[in-house]
């Protein structure tokens, strides 16, 4: 228990160092500038004062933005599909449709057919949900701006390679 507390305290104390290292070359970021412009792309280069981003949709175009011009910086956590909600909605819709269709069925026919129809519609719902994707983002403090986050949570874990990980997650 004690090592975990020490790691959590260290994670909070090292939050400023973690924030600076959050913008790593190769990560997908979304930058909102103070002017209101929003740009999304892959970090190509990071210096002490600015980020250089390869812009999405424009081949070879790069954009350099100073940390002082950044209002908000979000880092992509990857895409999330809606396969699970689609599975649930499809299965329930199939069961409801079967209940309406099979009013005079025997108990065996009702449940057997209901399971089959629910399984088929659940599969269709999962497939449809998998086609719909949403990118998930997490926000980070911009180095040198000293903004306060409403929630600071220490992260302590182990990577699949067995290497320990200590960090801080900031939520606004």
N, C-alpha and C. Protein backbone atom coordinates (compact mmCIF):
# COMPACT_ATOMS: atom_id res chain seq x y z
N UNK A 1 0.82 -1.19 0.00
CA UNK A 1 0.00 0.00 0.00
C UNK A 1 0.86 1.25 0.00
N UNK A 2 1.93 1.24 0.80
CA UNK A 2 2.78 2.42 0.90
C UNK A 2 3.44 2.79 -0.43
N UNK A 3 3.98 1.82 -1.21
CA UNK A 3 4.58 2.20 -2.50
C UNK A 3 3.57 2.86 -3.44
N UNK A 4 2.32 2.42 -3.39
CA UNK A 4 1.29 3.00 -4.24
C UNK A 4 1.03 4.46 -3.87
N UNK A 5 1.00 4.76 -2.57
CA UNK A 5 0.80 6.14 -2.12
C UNK A 5 1.98 7.00 -2.53
N UNK A 6 3.19 6.48 -2.39
CA UNK A 6 4.39 7.23 -2.79
C UNK A 6 4.34 7.52 -4.29
N UNK A 7 3.95 6.53 -5.10
CA UNK A 7 3.85 6.74 -6.54
C UNK A 7 2.78 7.77 -6.88
N UNK A 8 1.66 7.73 -6.18
CA UNK A 8 0.58 8.70 -6.44
C UNK A 8 1.04 10.12 -6.10
N UNK A 9 1.72 10.29 -4.99
CA UNK A 9 2.21 11.61 -4.60
C UNK A 9 3.26 12.09 -5.60
N UNK A 10 4.14 11.18 -6.02
CA UNK A 10 5.16 11.54 -7.01
C UNK A 10 4.50 11.95 -8.33
N UNK A 11 3.42 11.27 -8.69
CA UNK A 11 2.72 11.61 -9.93
C UNK A 11 2.15 13.02 -9.87
N UNK A 12 1.59 13.39 -8.74
CA UNK A 12 1.02 14.74 -8.60
C UNK A 12 2.13 15.79 -8.61
N UNK A 13 3.22 15.52 -7.91
CA UNK A 13 4.32 16.48 -7.84
C UNK A 13 5.01 16.67 -9.19
N UNK A 14 5.02 15.61 -10.00
CA UNK A 14 5.68 15.68 -11.30
C UNK A 14 4.71 16.04 -12.42
N UNK A 15 3.54 16.57 -12.07
CA UNK A 15 2.52 16.84 -13.10
C UNK A 15 3.00 17.84 -14.15
N UNK A 16 3.77 18.83 -13.76
CA UNK A 16 4.25 19.82 -14.73
C UNK A 16 5.16 19.16 -15.76
N UNK A 17 6.04 18.29 -15.30
CA UNK A 17 6.92 17.58 -16.23
C UNK A 17 6.11 16.66 -17.14
N UNK A 18 5.07 16.06 -16.62
CA UNK A 18 4.22 15.18 -17.42
C UNK A 18 3.48 15.97 -18.49
N UNK A 19 3.00 17.17 -18.13
CA UNK A 19 2.27 17.99 -19.08
C UNK A 19 3.14 18.36 -20.27
N UNK A 20 4.39 18.73 -20.02
CA UNK A 20 5.28 19.11 -21.11
C UNK A 20 5.55 17.92 -22.02
N UNK A 21 5.68 16.73 -21.45
CA UNK A 21 5.98 15.55 -22.24
C UNK A 21 4.75 14.96 -22.92
N UNK A 22 3.57 15.50 -22.62
CA UNK A 22 2.34 14.95 -23.20
C UNK A 22 2.29 15.16 -24.70
N UNK A 23 2.91 16.23 -25.21
CA UNK A 23 2.90 16.50 -26.63
C UNK A 23 4.13 15.86 -27.25
N UNK A 24 3.99 14.62 -27.68
CA UNK A 24 5.11 13.87 -28.21
C UNK A 24 4.95 13.76 -29.72
N UNK A 25 6.07 13.78 -30.40
CA UNK A 25 6.06 13.62 -31.85
C UNK A 25 5.35 12.32 -32.21
N UNK A 26 4.43 12.40 -33.16
CA UNK A 26 3.70 11.22 -33.62
C UNK A 26 2.30 11.11 -33.04
N UNK A 27 1.96 11.90 -32.03
CA UNK A 27 0.62 11.85 -31.45
C UNK A 27 -0.34 12.72 -32.25
N UNK A 28 -1.58 12.28 -32.31
CA UNK A 28 -2.63 13.04 -32.99
C UNK A 28 -3.19 14.04 -31.99
N UNK A 29 -3.22 15.32 -32.37
CA UNK A 29 -3.66 16.38 -31.47
C UNK A 29 -4.70 17.26 -32.15
N UNK A 30 -5.48 17.94 -31.32
CA UNK A 30 -6.41 18.97 -31.79
C UNK A 30 -6.07 20.23 -30.99
N UNK A 31 -5.75 21.30 -31.72
CA UNK A 31 -5.31 22.55 -31.10
C UNK A 31 -6.36 23.63 -31.35
N UNK A 32 -6.82 24.27 -30.27
CA UNK A 32 -7.71 25.42 -30.40
C UNK A 32 -6.90 26.64 -30.00
N UNK A 33 -6.80 27.56 -30.96
CA UNK A 33 -6.02 28.78 -30.71
C UNK A 33 -6.90 29.84 -30.05
N UNK A 34 -6.26 30.83 -29.49
CA UNK A 34 -6.97 31.95 -28.87
C UNK A 34 -7.81 32.71 -29.90
N UNK A 35 -7.39 32.67 -31.18
CA UNK A 35 -8.14 33.34 -32.24
C UNK A 35 -9.42 32.60 -32.60
N UNK A 36 -9.56 31.35 -32.10
CA UNK A 36 -10.74 30.55 -32.39
C UNK A 36 -10.51 29.47 -33.42
N UNK A 37 -9.39 29.51 -34.13
CA UNK A 37 -9.07 28.50 -35.14
C UNK A 37 -8.81 27.15 -34.47
N UNK A 38 -9.31 26.08 -35.09
CA UNK A 38 -9.09 24.73 -34.58
C UNK A 38 -8.40 23.93 -35.67
N UNK A 39 -7.26 23.32 -35.34
CA UNK A 39 -6.51 22.51 -36.29
C UNK A 39 -6.27 21.13 -35.68
N UNK A 40 -6.35 20.11 -36.52
CA UNK A 40 -6.14 18.74 -36.10
C UNK A 40 -5.07 18.11 -36.97
N UNK A 41 -4.18 17.35 -36.36
CA UNK A 41 -3.13 16.67 -37.12
C UNK A 41 -2.19 15.91 -36.22
N UNK A 42 -1.09 15.48 -36.80
CA UNK A 42 -0.07 14.70 -36.10
C UNK A 42 1.10 15.62 -35.74
N UNK A 43 1.58 15.54 -34.50
CA UNK A 43 2.72 16.36 -34.08
C UNK A 43 3.95 15.89 -34.85
N UNK A 44 4.56 16.82 -35.59
CA UNK A 44 5.75 16.52 -36.38
C UNK A 44 7.00 16.88 -35.61
N UNK A 45 6.92 17.99 -34.86
CA UNK A 45 8.08 18.47 -34.10
C UNK A 45 7.59 19.21 -32.87
N UNK A 46 8.35 19.09 -31.78
CA UNK A 46 8.03 19.81 -30.55
C UNK A 46 9.28 20.51 -30.07
N UNK A 47 9.14 21.81 -29.82
CA UNK A 47 10.25 22.56 -29.23
C UNK A 47 9.81 23.04 -27.85
N UNK A 48 10.63 23.82 -27.20
CA UNK A 48 10.29 24.33 -25.88
C UNK A 48 9.16 25.35 -25.94
N UNK A 49 8.96 25.98 -27.11
CA UNK A 49 8.00 27.07 -27.21
C UNK A 49 6.85 26.81 -28.18
N UNK A 50 6.93 25.75 -28.99
CA UNK A 50 5.91 25.57 -30.03
C UNK A 50 5.76 24.11 -30.44
N UNK A 51 4.64 23.85 -31.13
CA UNK A 51 4.39 22.56 -31.75
C UNK A 51 4.31 22.75 -33.26
N UNK A 52 4.83 21.79 -34.01
CA UNK A 52 4.65 21.77 -35.45
C UNK A 52 3.78 20.57 -35.76
N UNK A 53 2.66 20.83 -36.44
CA UNK A 53 1.65 19.81 -36.67
C UNK A 53 1.48 19.59 -38.17
N UNK A 54 1.47 18.32 -38.59
CA UNK A 54 1.13 17.97 -39.97
C UNK A 54 -0.39 17.94 -40.06
N UNK A 55 -0.97 18.84 -40.83
CA UNK A 55 -2.42 19.00 -40.86
C UNK A 55 -3.12 17.85 -41.56
N UNK A 56 -4.30 17.47 -41.03
CA UNK A 56 -5.14 16.43 -41.64
C UNK A 56 -5.71 16.93 -42.96
N UNK A 57 -5.78 16.04 -43.93
CA UNK A 57 -6.45 16.34 -45.18
C UNK A 57 -5.66 17.18 -46.16
N UNK A 58 -4.51 17.71 -45.76
CA UNK A 58 -3.70 18.52 -46.66
C UNK A 58 -2.33 17.88 -46.73
N UNK A 59 -2.06 17.19 -47.81
CA UNK A 59 -0.82 16.44 -47.95
C UNK A 59 0.41 17.34 -47.86
N UNK A 60 1.28 17.04 -46.92
CA UNK A 60 2.54 17.76 -46.78
C UNK A 60 2.43 19.10 -46.07
N UNK A 61 1.23 19.54 -45.71
CA UNK A 61 1.07 20.84 -45.05
C UNK A 61 1.40 20.72 -43.57
N UNK A 62 2.22 21.62 -43.08
CA UNK A 62 2.54 21.66 -41.66
C UNK A 62 2.14 23.02 -41.10
N UNK A 63 1.89 23.03 -39.81
CA UNK A 63 1.42 24.23 -39.14
C UNK A 63 2.18 24.36 -37.83
N UNK A 64 2.80 25.50 -37.60
CA UNK A 64 3.55 25.73 -36.37
C UNK A 64 2.75 26.68 -35.49
N UNK A 65 2.54 26.29 -34.25
CA UNK A 65 1.77 27.12 -33.32
C UNK A 65 2.54 27.24 -32.00
N UNK A 66 2.64 28.46 -31.50
CA UNK A 66 3.33 28.74 -30.25
C UNK A 66 2.43 28.32 -29.08
N UNK A 67 3.04 27.86 -28.00
CA UNK A 67 2.27 27.47 -26.82
C UNK A 67 1.47 28.65 -26.27
N UNK A 68 1.97 29.87 -26.43
CA UNK A 68 1.26 31.04 -25.92
C UNK A 68 0.00 31.34 -26.73
N UNK A 69 -0.08 30.84 -27.98
CA UNK A 69 -1.27 31.05 -28.81
C UNK A 69 -2.33 29.96 -28.63
N UNK A 70 -2.00 28.92 -27.88
CA UNK A 70 -2.91 27.79 -27.72
C UNK A 70 -3.86 28.04 -26.55
N UNK A 71 -5.15 27.93 -26.83
CA UNK A 71 -6.16 28.05 -25.78
C UNK A 71 -6.44 26.69 -25.17
N UNK A 72 -6.53 25.65 -26.01
CA UNK A 72 -6.79 24.29 -25.53
C UNK A 72 -6.04 23.30 -26.40
N UNK A 73 -5.53 22.26 -25.77
CA UNK A 73 -4.79 21.22 -26.48
C UNK A 73 -5.38 19.87 -26.09
N UNK A 74 -5.84 19.12 -27.09
CA UNK A 74 -6.43 17.80 -26.84
C UNK A 74 -5.60 16.75 -27.57
N UNK A 75 -5.41 15.61 -26.93
CA UNK A 75 -4.66 14.50 -27.51
C UNK A 75 -5.62 13.35 -27.73
N UNK A 76 -5.55 12.74 -28.91
CA UNK A 76 -6.46 11.67 -29.29
C UNK A 76 -6.20 10.40 -28.48
N UNK A 77 -7.28 9.80 -28.02
CA UNK A 77 -7.21 8.50 -27.35
C UNK A 77 -7.60 7.38 -28.30
N UNK A 78 -7.85 7.72 -29.55
CA UNK A 78 -8.25 6.72 -30.54
C UNK A 78 -9.74 6.80 -30.85
N UNK A 79 -10.16 5.94 -31.74
CA UNK A 79 -11.57 5.93 -32.14
C UNK A 79 -12.36 4.94 -31.31
N UNK A 80 -13.61 5.29 -31.08
CA UNK A 80 -14.53 4.43 -30.34
C UNK A 80 -15.68 4.09 -31.28
N UNK A 81 -15.99 2.81 -31.40
CA UNK A 81 -17.13 2.42 -32.23
C UNK A 81 -18.35 2.22 -31.33
N UNK A 82 -19.49 2.13 -31.94
CA UNK A 82 -20.73 1.94 -31.21
C UNK A 82 -21.28 0.53 -31.43
N UNK A 83 -20.39 -0.45 -31.49
CA UNK A 83 -20.81 -1.84 -31.72
C UNK A 83 -21.62 -2.38 -30.54
N UNK A 84 -21.20 -2.11 -29.32
CA UNK A 84 -21.92 -2.64 -28.15
C UNK A 84 -23.32 -2.05 -28.03
N UNK A 85 -23.47 -0.72 -28.12
CA UNK A 85 -24.85 -0.20 -28.08
C UNK A 85 -25.69 -0.72 -29.25
N UNK A 86 -25.07 -0.87 -30.42
CA UNK A 86 -25.80 -1.40 -31.57
C UNK A 86 -26.26 -2.82 -31.34
N UNK A 87 -25.41 -3.63 -30.70
CA UNK A 87 -25.75 -5.01 -30.36
C UNK A 87 -26.96 -5.04 -29.43
N UNK A 88 -26.93 -4.21 -28.41
CA UNK A 88 -28.02 -4.16 -27.44
C UNK A 88 -29.33 -3.67 -28.08
N UNK A 89 -29.25 -2.58 -28.82
CA UNK A 89 -30.45 -2.03 -29.45
C UNK A 89 -31.02 -3.00 -30.47
N UNK A 90 -30.15 -3.62 -31.28
CA UNK A 90 -30.61 -4.58 -32.28
C UNK A 90 -31.27 -5.80 -31.64
N UNK A 91 -30.66 -6.31 -30.58
CA UNK A 91 -31.23 -7.46 -29.89
C UNK A 91 -32.58 -7.16 -29.27
N UNK A 92 -32.69 -6.01 -28.62
CA UNK A 92 -33.97 -5.62 -28.02
C UNK A 92 -35.04 -5.35 -29.08
N UNK A 93 -34.64 -4.74 -30.18
CA UNK A 93 -35.60 -4.47 -31.26
C UNK A 93 -36.11 -5.78 -31.85
N UNK A 94 -35.21 -6.74 -32.04
CA UNK A 94 -35.61 -8.05 -32.56
C UNK A 94 -36.54 -8.78 -31.63
N UNK A 95 -36.25 -8.73 -30.34
CA UNK A 95 -37.11 -9.39 -29.35
C UNK A 95 -38.50 -8.73 -29.32
N UNK A 96 -38.54 -7.41 -29.38
CA UNK A 96 -39.82 -6.71 -29.38
C UNK A 96 -40.61 -7.01 -30.64
N UNK A 97 -39.94 -7.03 -31.78
CA UNK A 97 -40.63 -7.34 -33.04
C UNK A 97 -41.17 -8.77 -33.02
N UNK A 98 -40.40 -9.70 -32.50
CA UNK A 98 -40.85 -11.09 -32.43
C UNK A 98 -42.05 -11.23 -31.49
N UNK A 99 -42.03 -10.50 -30.39
CA UNK A 99 -43.15 -10.55 -29.45
C UNK A 99 -44.44 -10.06 -30.11
N UNK A 100 -44.35 -9.09 -30.98
CA UNK A 100 -45.53 -8.58 -31.69
C UNK A 100 -45.99 -9.54 -32.79
N UNK A 101 -45.02 -10.16 -33.48
CA UNK A 101 -45.34 -11.06 -34.59
C UNK A 101 -45.92 -12.38 -34.09
N UNK A 102 -45.37 -12.90 -33.02
CA UNK A 102 -45.69 -14.26 -32.57
C UNK A 102 -46.65 -14.24 -31.38
N UNK A 103 -47.82 -13.66 -31.57
CA UNK A 103 -48.79 -13.60 -30.48
C UNK A 103 -49.37 -14.96 -30.13
N UNK A 104 -49.72 -15.76 -31.11
CA UNK A 104 -50.37 -17.04 -30.84
C UNK A 104 -49.42 -18.23 -30.87
N UNK A 105 -48.14 -18.01 -30.79
CA UNK A 105 -47.16 -19.10 -30.84
C UNK A 105 -47.14 -19.88 -29.52
N UNK A 106 -46.72 -21.13 -29.62
CA UNK A 106 -46.51 -21.91 -28.40
C UNK A 106 -45.30 -21.34 -27.66
N UNK A 107 -45.14 -21.72 -26.42
CA UNK A 107 -44.02 -21.23 -25.62
C UNK A 107 -42.69 -21.62 -26.25
N UNK A 108 -42.61 -22.85 -26.76
CA UNK A 108 -41.36 -23.31 -27.37
C UNK A 108 -41.05 -22.50 -28.64
N UNK A 109 -42.05 -22.30 -29.48
CA UNK A 109 -41.86 -21.51 -30.71
C UNK A 109 -41.58 -20.05 -30.41
N UNK A 110 -42.23 -19.54 -29.37
CA UNK A 110 -42.04 -18.15 -29.01
C UNK A 110 -40.59 -17.90 -28.59
N UNK A 111 -40.09 -18.72 -27.64
CA UNK A 111 -38.73 -18.49 -27.14
C UNK A 111 -37.67 -18.90 -28.15
N UNK A 112 -37.86 -19.99 -28.87
CA UNK A 112 -36.88 -20.42 -29.88
C UNK A 112 -36.74 -19.40 -31.00
N UNK A 113 -37.88 -18.97 -31.53
CA UNK A 113 -37.86 -17.96 -32.58
C UNK A 113 -37.36 -16.62 -32.08
N UNK A 114 -37.72 -16.26 -30.86
CA UNK A 114 -37.28 -15.00 -30.26
C UNK A 114 -35.78 -14.94 -30.11
N UNK A 115 -35.19 -16.06 -29.69
CA UNK A 115 -33.74 -16.11 -29.53
C UNK A 115 -33.06 -15.97 -30.89
N UNK A 116 -33.58 -16.67 -31.90
CA UNK A 116 -33.00 -16.62 -33.24
C UNK A 116 -33.11 -15.21 -33.83
N UNK A 117 -34.30 -14.63 -33.78
CA UNK A 117 -34.51 -13.29 -34.33
C UNK A 117 -33.68 -12.26 -33.56
N UNK A 118 -33.65 -12.37 -32.25
CA UNK A 118 -32.86 -11.43 -31.44
C UNK A 118 -31.38 -11.53 -31.77
N UNK A 119 -30.89 -12.75 -31.96
CA UNK A 119 -29.47 -12.93 -32.30
C UNK A 119 -29.15 -12.31 -33.66
N UNK A 120 -30.05 -12.52 -34.64
CA UNK A 120 -29.82 -11.95 -35.97
C UNK A 120 -29.85 -10.43 -35.94
N UNK A 121 -30.84 -9.86 -35.29
CA UNK A 121 -30.94 -8.40 -35.25
C UNK A 121 -29.85 -7.79 -34.37
N UNK A 122 -29.41 -8.51 -33.35
CA UNK A 122 -28.29 -8.03 -32.53
C UNK A 122 -27.02 -7.97 -33.38
N UNK A 123 -26.80 -8.98 -34.20
CA UNK A 123 -25.64 -8.99 -35.09
C UNK A 123 -25.68 -7.85 -36.08
N UNK A 124 -26.86 -7.60 -36.66
CA UNK A 124 -27.01 -6.47 -37.58
C UNK A 124 -26.79 -5.14 -36.86
N UNK A 125 -27.30 -5.02 -35.64
CA UNK A 125 -27.11 -3.80 -34.86
C UNK A 125 -25.65 -3.56 -34.52
N UNK A 126 -24.94 -4.64 -34.17
CA UNK A 126 -23.51 -4.52 -33.86
C UNK A 126 -22.73 -4.09 -35.10
N UNK A 127 -23.08 -4.66 -36.24
CA UNK A 127 -22.40 -4.29 -37.49
C UNK A 127 -22.66 -2.82 -37.83
N UNK A 128 -23.89 -2.39 -37.70
CA UNK A 128 -24.23 -0.99 -37.96
C UNK A 128 -23.51 -0.07 -36.97
N UNK A 129 -23.47 -0.46 -35.71
CA UNK A 129 -22.79 0.35 -34.69
C UNK A 129 -21.30 0.42 -34.92
N UNK A 130 -20.72 -0.63 -35.50
CA UNK A 130 -19.30 -0.65 -35.78
C UNK A 130 -18.93 0.31 -36.91
N UNK A 131 -19.88 0.62 -37.77
CA UNK A 131 -19.63 1.55 -38.87
C UNK A 131 -19.58 3.00 -38.38
N UNK A 132 -20.22 3.27 -37.24
CA UNK A 132 -20.24 4.62 -36.67
C UNK A 132 -19.09 4.72 -35.67
N UNK A 133 -18.18 5.66 -35.91
CA UNK A 133 -17.02 5.81 -35.03
C UNK A 133 -16.91 7.26 -34.56
N UNK A 134 -16.40 7.43 -33.36
CA UNK A 134 -16.20 8.75 -32.78
C UNK A 134 -14.81 8.78 -32.17
N UNK A 135 -14.07 9.83 -32.46
CA UNK A 135 -12.74 9.96 -31.88
C UNK A 135 -12.85 10.50 -30.46
N UNK A 136 -12.11 9.89 -29.54
CA UNK A 136 -12.11 10.32 -28.15
C UNK A 136 -10.88 11.19 -27.90
N UNK A 137 -11.04 12.24 -27.10
CA UNK A 137 -9.97 13.19 -26.83
C UNK A 137 -9.81 13.39 -25.33
N UNK A 138 -8.59 13.69 -24.91
CA UNK A 138 -8.32 14.09 -23.54
C UNK A 138 -7.56 15.40 -23.60
N UNK A 139 -7.86 16.32 -22.70
CA UNK A 139 -7.26 17.65 -22.73
C UNK A 139 -6.09 17.75 -21.77
N UNK A 140 -5.10 18.54 -22.15
CA UNK A 140 -3.91 18.74 -21.33
C UNK A 140 -3.67 20.23 -21.15
N UNK A 141 -3.01 20.56 -20.05
CA UNK A 141 -2.59 21.94 -19.85
C UNK A 141 -1.49 22.26 -20.84
N UNK A 142 -1.48 23.47 -21.31
CA UNK A 142 -0.46 23.91 -22.24
C UNK A 142 0.73 24.40 -21.42
N UNK A 143 1.95 23.93 -21.75
CA UNK A 143 3.13 24.34 -20.98
C UNK A 143 3.27 25.86 -20.93
N UNK A 144 3.58 26.36 -19.75
CA UNK A 144 3.84 27.79 -19.59
C UNK A 144 2.61 28.64 -19.36
N UNK A 145 1.42 28.07 -19.37
CA UNK A 145 0.23 28.89 -19.17
C UNK A 145 -0.27 28.84 -17.74
N UNK A 146 0.08 27.82 -16.98
CA UNK A 146 -0.26 27.75 -15.58
C UNK A 146 -1.75 27.72 -15.28
N UNK A 147 -2.55 27.18 -16.18
CA UNK A 147 -3.99 27.08 -15.93
C UNK A 147 -4.23 25.98 -14.90
N UNK A 148 -5.26 26.12 -14.12
CA UNK A 148 -5.59 25.11 -13.12
C UNK A 148 -6.69 24.19 -13.66
N UNK A 149 -6.50 22.92 -13.47
CA UNK A 149 -7.51 21.96 -13.89
C UNK A 149 -8.52 21.77 -12.77
N UNK A 150 -9.75 21.43 -13.13
CA UNK A 150 -10.76 21.21 -12.11
C UNK A 150 -10.59 19.85 -11.45
N UNK A 151 -9.92 18.92 -12.13
CA UNK A 151 -9.69 17.60 -11.55
C UNK A 151 -8.32 17.10 -11.97
N UNK A 152 -7.50 16.75 -11.00
CA UNK A 152 -6.18 16.19 -11.28
C UNK A 152 -6.17 14.81 -10.65
N UNK A 153 -5.97 13.78 -11.48
CA UNK A 153 -5.99 12.41 -10.97
C UNK A 153 -4.66 11.73 -11.29
N UNK A 154 -4.01 11.16 -10.29
CA UNK A 154 -2.77 10.44 -10.57
C UNK A 154 -3.06 9.13 -11.30
N UNK A 155 -2.17 8.78 -12.20
CA UNK A 155 -2.27 7.51 -12.91
C UNK A 155 -1.08 6.66 -12.54
N UNK A 156 -1.34 5.47 -12.08
CA UNK A 156 -0.28 4.53 -11.74
C UNK A 156 -0.68 3.21 -12.37
N UNK A 157 0.21 2.63 -13.16
CA UNK A 157 -0.13 1.37 -13.81
C UNK A 157 1.09 0.66 -14.35
N UNK A 158 0.82 -0.39 -15.10
CA UNK A 158 1.87 -1.20 -15.70
C UNK A 158 1.53 -1.39 -17.17
N UNK A 159 2.49 -1.11 -18.05
CA UNK A 159 2.31 -1.32 -19.48
C UNK A 159 2.31 -2.82 -19.77
N UNK A 160 1.81 -3.23 -20.95
CA UNK A 160 1.82 -4.65 -21.30
C UNK A 160 3.23 -5.25 -21.31
N UNK A 161 4.25 -4.39 -21.49
CA UNK A 161 5.64 -4.86 -21.49
C UNK A 161 6.17 -5.07 -20.08
N UNK A 162 5.38 -4.70 -19.06
CA UNK A 162 5.81 -4.87 -17.68
C UNK A 162 6.45 -3.63 -17.10
N UNK A 163 6.59 -2.58 -17.89
CA UNK A 163 7.21 -1.34 -17.44
C UNK A 163 6.21 -0.51 -16.64
N UNK A 164 6.59 -0.02 -15.44
CA UNK A 164 5.66 0.78 -14.66
C UNK A 164 5.42 2.13 -15.30
N UNK A 165 4.22 2.67 -15.11
CA UNK A 165 3.83 3.96 -15.67
C UNK A 165 3.29 4.83 -14.55
N UNK A 166 3.77 6.07 -14.48
CA UNK A 166 3.28 7.04 -13.51
C UNK A 166 2.95 8.31 -14.30
N UNK A 167 1.78 8.88 -14.04
CA UNK A 167 1.41 10.08 -14.75
C UNK A 167 0.26 10.79 -14.06
N UNK A 168 -0.26 11.80 -14.73
CA UNK A 168 -1.37 12.57 -14.21
C UNK A 168 -2.37 12.77 -15.33
N UNK A 169 -3.65 12.56 -15.04
CA UNK A 169 -4.72 12.82 -16.00
C UNK A 169 -5.44 14.09 -15.57
N UNK A 170 -5.57 15.03 -16.49
CA UNK A 170 -6.21 16.30 -16.20
C UNK A 170 -7.55 16.34 -16.91
N UNK A 171 -8.60 16.68 -16.18
CA UNK A 171 -9.94 16.77 -16.75
C UNK A 171 -10.47 18.16 -16.49
N UNK A 172 -11.06 18.76 -17.51
CA UNK A 172 -11.62 20.12 -17.39
C UNK A 172 -13.11 20.06 -17.35
